[in-house]
Protein backbone atom coordinates (compact mmCIF):
# COMPACT_ATOMS: atom_id res chain seq x y z
CA MET A 1 16.95 -3.57 -20.35
CA GLU A 2 14.83 -6.70 -20.29
CA PHE A 3 13.86 -5.93 -16.67
CA SER A 4 12.68 -2.43 -17.55
CA ALA A 5 10.58 -3.78 -20.44
CA GLU A 6 8.94 -6.27 -18.07
CA ARG A 7 8.38 -3.55 -15.52
CA THR A 8 6.83 -1.27 -18.14
CA ALA A 9 4.43 -4.04 -19.15
CA THR A 10 3.57 -4.71 -15.50
CA ASP A 11 3.11 -1.00 -14.78
CA SER A 12 0.85 -0.70 -17.82
CA PHE A 13 -1.18 -3.73 -16.71
CA MET A 14 -1.55 -2.36 -13.17
CA LYS A 15 -2.51 1.09 -14.45
CA ASN A 16 -5.21 -0.32 -16.74
CA ASN A 17 -6.56 -2.78 -14.14
CA LYS A 18 -6.62 -0.56 -11.06
CA PRO A 19 -9.70 -0.83 -8.91
CA LYS A 20 -12.22 1.89 -9.64
CA PRO A 21 -14.07 3.91 -7.02
CA VAL A 22 -17.72 2.97 -6.50
CA ASN A 23 -18.71 6.63 -6.57
CA GLU A 24 -17.19 10.04 -7.23
CA VAL A 25 -18.47 13.40 -6.05
CA ARG A 26 -17.09 16.47 -7.80
CA LEU A 27 -17.70 20.19 -7.44
CA GLY A 28 -15.47 22.32 -9.61
CA HIS A 29 -11.89 21.15 -9.22
CA ILE A 30 -12.48 19.26 -5.95
CA LYS A 31 -13.25 15.55 -6.12
CA ALA A 32 -13.99 12.75 -3.67
CA ALA A 33 -13.53 9.12 -4.67
CA VAL A 34 -15.42 6.52 -2.62
CA TRP A 35 -13.84 3.08 -2.28
CA LYS A 36 -15.76 -0.01 -1.17
CA ASN A 37 -13.98 -2.47 1.09
CA GLU A 38 -15.44 -5.85 1.97
CA THR A 39 -14.43 -6.83 5.50
CA GLU A 40 -15.37 -9.60 7.91
CA ALA A 41 -17.49 -7.00 9.74
CA GLY A 42 -19.28 -6.03 6.52
CA VAL A 43 -18.86 -3.35 3.89
CA ARG A 44 -16.79 -0.30 4.76
CA TYR A 45 -16.33 2.79 2.62
CA ASN A 46 -13.20 4.93 2.49
CA VAL A 47 -12.80 8.27 0.76
CA THR A 48 -9.91 10.04 -0.90
CA PHE A 49 -10.07 13.73 -1.77
CA SER A 50 -8.17 15.44 -4.55
CA ARG A 51 -7.96 18.74 -6.37
CA ILE A 52 -7.41 18.66 -10.10
CA TYR A 53 -5.45 21.37 -11.84
CA ARG A 54 -3.89 22.06 -15.19
CA ASP A 55 -0.11 22.28 -15.64
CA GLY A 56 0.33 23.58 -19.16
CA GLU A 57 -1.57 21.13 -21.38
CA GLU A 58 -1.56 18.32 -18.81
CA TRP A 59 -4.19 17.66 -16.10
CA LYS A 60 -2.80 16.67 -12.72
CA SER A 61 -4.18 16.09 -9.26
CA THR A 62 -3.00 16.78 -5.74
CA ASP A 63 -4.20 16.15 -2.21
CA SER A 64 -3.19 19.64 -1.15
CA PHE A 65 -5.86 22.31 -0.76
CA GLY A 66 -5.68 26.07 -0.48
CA ARG A 67 -7.80 28.43 1.60
CA ASP A 68 -10.28 29.00 -1.23
CA ASP A 69 -10.74 25.24 -1.69
CA LEU A 70 -11.81 24.49 1.87
CA LEU A 71 -15.52 25.37 1.67
CA VAL A 72 -15.89 23.42 -1.58
CA LEU A 73 -14.00 20.53 0.03
CA ALA A 74 -16.46 20.64 2.94
CA LYS A 75 -19.43 20.55 0.52
CA VAL A 76 -17.92 17.60 -1.34
CA ALA A 77 -17.31 15.84 1.99
CA ASP A 78 -20.92 16.49 3.04
CA LYS A 79 -22.35 15.13 -0.22
CA THR A 80 -20.03 12.13 0.01
CA HIS A 81 -21.09 11.46 3.60
CA SER A 82 -24.76 11.52 2.53
CA TRP A 83 -24.06 9.08 -0.30
CA ILE A 84 -22.18 6.67 1.99
CA PHE A 85 -24.89 6.91 4.67
CA SER A 86 -27.59 6.12 2.12
CA ARG A 87 -25.57 3.27 0.60
CA SER A 88 -24.78 1.83 4.03
CA GLN A 89 -28.49 1.67 4.82
CA GLU A 90 -29.10 -0.11 1.50
CA ASP A 91 -26.27 -2.56 2.27
CA GLN A 92 -27.96 -3.36 5.60
CA GLY A 93 -31.37 -3.72 3.97
CA SER A 94 -32.85 -0.68 5.74
CA PRO A 95 -34.97 1.84 3.84
CA PRO A 96 -33.40 5.31 3.52
CA SER A 97 -34.34 7.81 6.19
CA PRO A 98 -37.08 10.29 5.16
CA ASN A 99 -34.80 13.08 6.44
CA ASN A 100 -32.06 12.19 3.95
CA ASP A 101 -30.95 15.41 2.22
CA GLU A 102 -29.95 13.71 -1.02
């Protein structure tokens, strides 16, 4: 039992101290989380997509999308791409492009 108590404390610590995304884009129930990664080659951004849904009184998320989610997912991906592109230019010290749709 002592092991499970330690594990619970560790799990709680990890849950409360998880890295946070640097940006989130959400339309309806579809969400993109943008993660910043410092590498030897410079900053890189990765994205995770999720769909939130309600199961009774509890909110949950999944990385599975249905047919009706796909166009919204594409819009979220497009907005996320624009944000990353703009941020990447800032990271490199370049001014944003005048054709930026954001």
